[in-house]
N, C-alpha and C. Protein backbone atom coordinates (compact mmCIF):
# COMPACT_ATOMS: atom_id res chain seq x y z
N MET A 1 169.71 83.19 118.06
CA MET A 1 168.18 83.88 118.07
C MET A 1 168.37 83.18 119.65
N GLY A 2 166.90 83.35 120.03
CA GLY A 2 166.64 83.54 121.72
C GLY A 2 165.72 82.42 121.82
N GLN A 3 165.60 82.36 122.25
CA GLN A 3 164.51 81.43 123.10
C GLN A 3 163.93 81.73 124.08
N VAL A 4 162.22 81.57 124.22
CA VAL A 4 161.13 81.76 124.70
C VAL A 4 160.52 80.56 125.74
N THR A 5 160.01 80.30 126.51
CA THR A 5 158.90 79.29 127.56
C THR A 5 158.05 80.49 127.45
N ILE A 6 157.16 79.66 126.87
CA ILE A 6 155.70 79.99 127.81
C ILE A 6 154.67 78.95 127.83
N TYR A 7 153.97 79.45 128.25
CA TYR A 7 153.42 78.13 129.22
C TYR A 7 151.45 78.91 129.31
N LEU A 8 150.66 77.83 128.38
CA LEU A 8 150.27 77.57 127.37
C LEU A 8 148.54 76.85 128.39
N ASP A 9 147.47 76.91 128.49
CA ASP A 9 146.64 76.00 128.92
C ASP A 9 145.91 74.73 128.28
N ALA A 10 145.46 73.86 127.98
CA ALA A 10 145.53 72.91 127.08
C ALA A 10 144.36 73.13 125.49
N GLU A 11 143.28 74.31 125.63
CA GLU A 11 142.71 74.71 124.91
C GLU A 11 143.51 75.64 124.18
N ALA A 12 144.27 76.34 124.05
CA ALA A 12 145.20 77.51 123.93
C ALA A 12 146.07 76.61 123.42
N GLU A 13 146.95 75.68 123.73
CA GLU A 13 147.81 74.72 123.03
C GLU A 13 146.73 74.34 121.82
N ALA A 14 145.81 73.46 122.56
CA ALA A 14 145.66 72.97 120.80
C ALA A 14 145.06 73.82 120.14
N LYS A 15 144.44 74.78 119.25
CA LYS A 15 144.64 75.95 119.05
C LYS A 15 146.32 76.26 118.60
N VAL A 16 147.02 76.55 119.20
CA VAL A 16 148.59 76.72 118.80
C VAL A 16 148.72 75.53 117.78
N ARG A 17 148.51 74.50 117.99
CA ARG A 17 148.84 73.92 116.59
C ARG A 17 147.97 73.07 116.08
N GLN A 18 146.73 73.30 116.14
CA GLN A 18 145.90 73.20 115.24
C GLN A 18 146.32 74.64 113.55
N ALA A 19 146.35 75.44 113.94
CA ALA A 19 146.82 76.70 113.52
C ALA A 19 147.68 76.66 113.32
N ALA A 20 149.04 75.73 113.84
CA ALA A 20 150.98 75.85 113.15
C ALA A 20 150.56 74.28 111.80
N ARG A 21 149.65 73.73 112.14
CA ARG A 21 149.62 72.41 111.44
C ARG A 21 148.49 73.30 109.99
N ALA A 22 147.89 73.49 110.51
CA ALA A 22 146.81 74.59 109.06
C ALA A 22 147.49 75.10 108.24
N MET A 23 148.94 75.69 108.53
CA MET A 23 149.79 76.82 107.67
C MET A 23 150.94 75.49 107.98
N ASN A 24 150.44 74.50 107.51
CA ASN A 24 152.27 73.93 107.40
C ASN A 24 153.71 74.32 108.07
N THR A 25 154.05 74.62 109.08
CA THR A 25 154.74 75.42 109.88
C THR A 25 154.77 74.49 111.06
N SER A 26 155.53 74.97 111.55
CA SER A 26 155.88 74.13 112.84
C SER A 26 156.01 75.27 114.42
N LEU A 27 155.73 75.37 115.29
CA LEU A 27 154.95 76.18 116.29
C LEU A 27 155.88 76.89 116.57
N SER A 28 156.86 76.51 116.76
CA SER A 28 158.44 77.51 116.36
C SER A 28 158.53 78.91 115.52
N GLN A 29 157.88 78.33 114.40
CA GLN A 29 157.73 80.13 113.29
C GLN A 29 156.53 80.40 113.07
N TRP A 30 155.80 79.68 113.52
CA TRP A 30 153.83 79.76 113.80
C TRP A 30 153.84 80.84 114.48
N VAL A 31 154.53 81.36 115.84
CA VAL A 31 154.27 82.12 116.98
C VAL A 31 155.39 83.37 116.77
N SER A 32 156.45 82.67 115.51
CA SER A 32 157.53 83.82 115.74
C SER A 32 156.85 84.82 114.46
N ASP A 33 156.31 84.09 113.27
CA ASP A 33 155.78 84.74 113.05
C ASP A 33 154.05 86.58 113.11
N LEU A 34 153.74 85.24 114.07
CA LEU A 34 152.33 86.10 115.01
C LEU A 34 153.51 87.18 115.50
N ILE A 35 154.26 86.96 116.63
CA ILE A 35 154.73 87.88 116.94
C ILE A 35 155.30 89.30 116.23
N ARG A 36 155.62 89.17 114.90
CA ARG A 36 156.22 89.86 113.71
C ARG A 36 155.00 90.76 113.37
N GLU A 37 153.79 89.55 112.74
CA GLU A 37 152.48 90.42 113.09
C GLU A 37 151.81 91.37 113.70
N LYS A 38 152.00 90.62 114.78
CA LYS A 38 150.82 92.21 115.71
C LYS A 38 151.79 93.34 116.83
N THR A 39 153.34 93.10 116.01
CA THR A 39 153.78 94.12 116.33
C THR A 39 154.61 95.21 115.67
N ALA A 40 154.62 94.64 114.19
CA ALA A 40 154.92 95.77 113.11
C ALA A 40 153.99 97.17 113.11
N MET A 41 155.19 97.75 112.26
CA MET A 41 154.83 99.22 112.55
C MET A 41 154.41 99.84 111.50
N VAL A 42 153.79 99.27 110.57
CA VAL A 42 153.50 99.06 109.12
C VAL A 42 151.78 99.10 109.24
N TRP A 43 151.02 99.84 108.37
CA TRP A 43 149.37 98.53 107.99
C TRP A 43 149.36 97.40 107.28
N PRO A 44 148.84 96.40 107.39
CA PRO A 44 149.29 95.48 106.35
C PRO A 44 148.00 95.82 105.58
N GLU A 45 149.12 94.96 104.49
CA GLU A 45 148.33 95.24 102.80
C GLU A 45 146.98 95.37 102.75
N SER A 46 146.49 93.92 103.20
CA SER A 46 145.28 93.85 103.19
C SER A 46 144.18 95.39 103.72
N VAL A 47 144.93 95.73 104.96
CA VAL A 47 144.38 97.18 105.39
C VAL A 47 144.63 98.14 104.74
N LYS A 48 145.48 98.63 103.62
CA LYS A 48 145.99 99.49 102.55
C LYS A 48 144.76 99.28 101.48
N GLU A 49 144.48 98.41 101.64
CA GLU A 49 143.76 98.14 99.97
C GLU A 49 142.12 98.44 100.45
N LEU A 50 142.24 99.12 101.63
CA LEU A 50 140.51 99.26 101.58
C LEU A 50 140.41 100.74 101.44
N ALA A 51 141.94 101.64 101.51
CA ALA A 51 141.31 102.93 100.82
C ALA A 51 140.96 103.04 99.89
N GLY A 52 139.78 104.10 100.00
CA GLY A 52 138.84 104.32 98.93
C GLY A 52 137.83 103.16 98.73
N ALA A 53 137.89 102.43 99.51
CA ALA A 53 136.71 100.71 98.80
C ALA A 53 134.78 101.25 99.62
N TRP A 54 135.51 102.10 100.77
CA TRP A 54 133.55 102.81 100.74
C TRP A 54 133.24 103.60 100.08
N LYS A 55 131.90 104.48 99.55
CA LYS A 55 131.38 105.83 99.16
C LYS A 55 130.88 106.58 100.04
N ASP A 56 130.40 105.77 101.37
CA ASP A 56 130.26 106.52 102.12
C ASP A 56 130.41 107.77 102.63
N PHE A 57 131.60 108.68 102.60
CA PHE A 57 132.21 110.24 102.68
C PHE A 57 132.27 110.59 101.47
N PRO A 58 131.72 111.66 101.01
CA PRO A 58 131.62 112.97 100.01
C PRO A 58 132.50 113.02 100.10
N ASP A 59 133.21 113.14 98.41
CA ASP A 59 134.69 114.10 98.23
C ASP A 59 134.74 114.78 97.99
N ALA A 60 136.16 115.88 98.11
CA ALA A 60 135.82 117.45 98.31
C ALA A 60 134.46 118.24 96.92
N GLU A 61 134.42 117.66 95.54
CA GLU A 61 133.49 118.23 94.82
C GLU A 61 132.15 118.19 94.96
N GLU A 62 131.13 116.45 95.40
CA GLU A 62 130.40 116.67 96.19
C GLU A 62 130.09 117.64 97.22
N ILE A 63 130.80 117.84 97.66
CA ILE A 63 130.58 118.43 98.81
C ILE A 63 130.33 120.51 98.88
N ARG A 64 131.16 120.72 97.68
CA ARG A 64 131.04 121.85 97.33
C ARG A 64 130.02 122.29 96.20
N ASN A 65 130.02 120.86 95.69
CA ASN A 65 128.00 121.02 94.52
C ASN A 65 127.00 121.57 95.09
N GLY A 66 127.08 123.37 94.22
CA GLY A 66 125.57 124.23 94.46
C GLY A 66 125.67 124.84 95.52
N MET A 67 127.47 125.11 96.25
CA MET A 67 127.79 126.68 96.67
C MET A 67 127.77 127.20 96.52
N GLY A 68 128.00 127.40 94.68
CA GLY A 68 128.15 128.58 93.58
C GLY A 68 130.32 128.70 93.75
N GLU A 69 129.86 130.00 92.86
CA GLU A 69 131.58 130.59 93.04
C GLU A 69 132.21 131.34 94.18
N ASP A 70 133.10 131.67 94.31
CA ASP A 70 134.34 131.65 95.05
C ASP A 70 134.55 133.01 94.46
N THR A 71 133.86 133.86 95.87
CA THR A 71 134.56 135.41 95.83
C THR A 71 135.68 135.27 95.48
N SER A 72 135.94 136.78 93.77
CA SER A 72 137.34 136.96 94.26
C SER A 72 138.00 137.60 95.34
N ARG A 73 139.39 137.57 95.72
CA ARG A 73 140.00 137.43 96.63
C ARG A 73 140.66 138.45 96.01
N GLU A 74 140.95 140.08 97.06
CA GLU A 74 141.55 141.42 96.54
C GLU A 74 143.03 140.83 96.40
N GLY A 75 143.73 141.44 95.61
CA GLY A 75 145.26 141.66 95.04
C GLY A 75 146.15 141.52 96.14
N ILE A 76 147.03 141.83 96.61
CA ILE A 76 148.05 142.09 97.69
C ILE A 76 148.92 143.40 96.87
């Protein structure tokens, strides 16, 4: 396991310590989890769950409604 030294101003350090305490975890684990989250190459579940949540964009059936029937194509 590697070690990394980071320098934080007093305000940032206080926020990190408070966040780690709120998550009931060590500073090291909190920073490690944050790095994993921010460098993930997949969408988080919270984003995936939003699929279909908005009704703003009409589906194909709504777009085609009232356009009539397609013209028959000639055979090959």
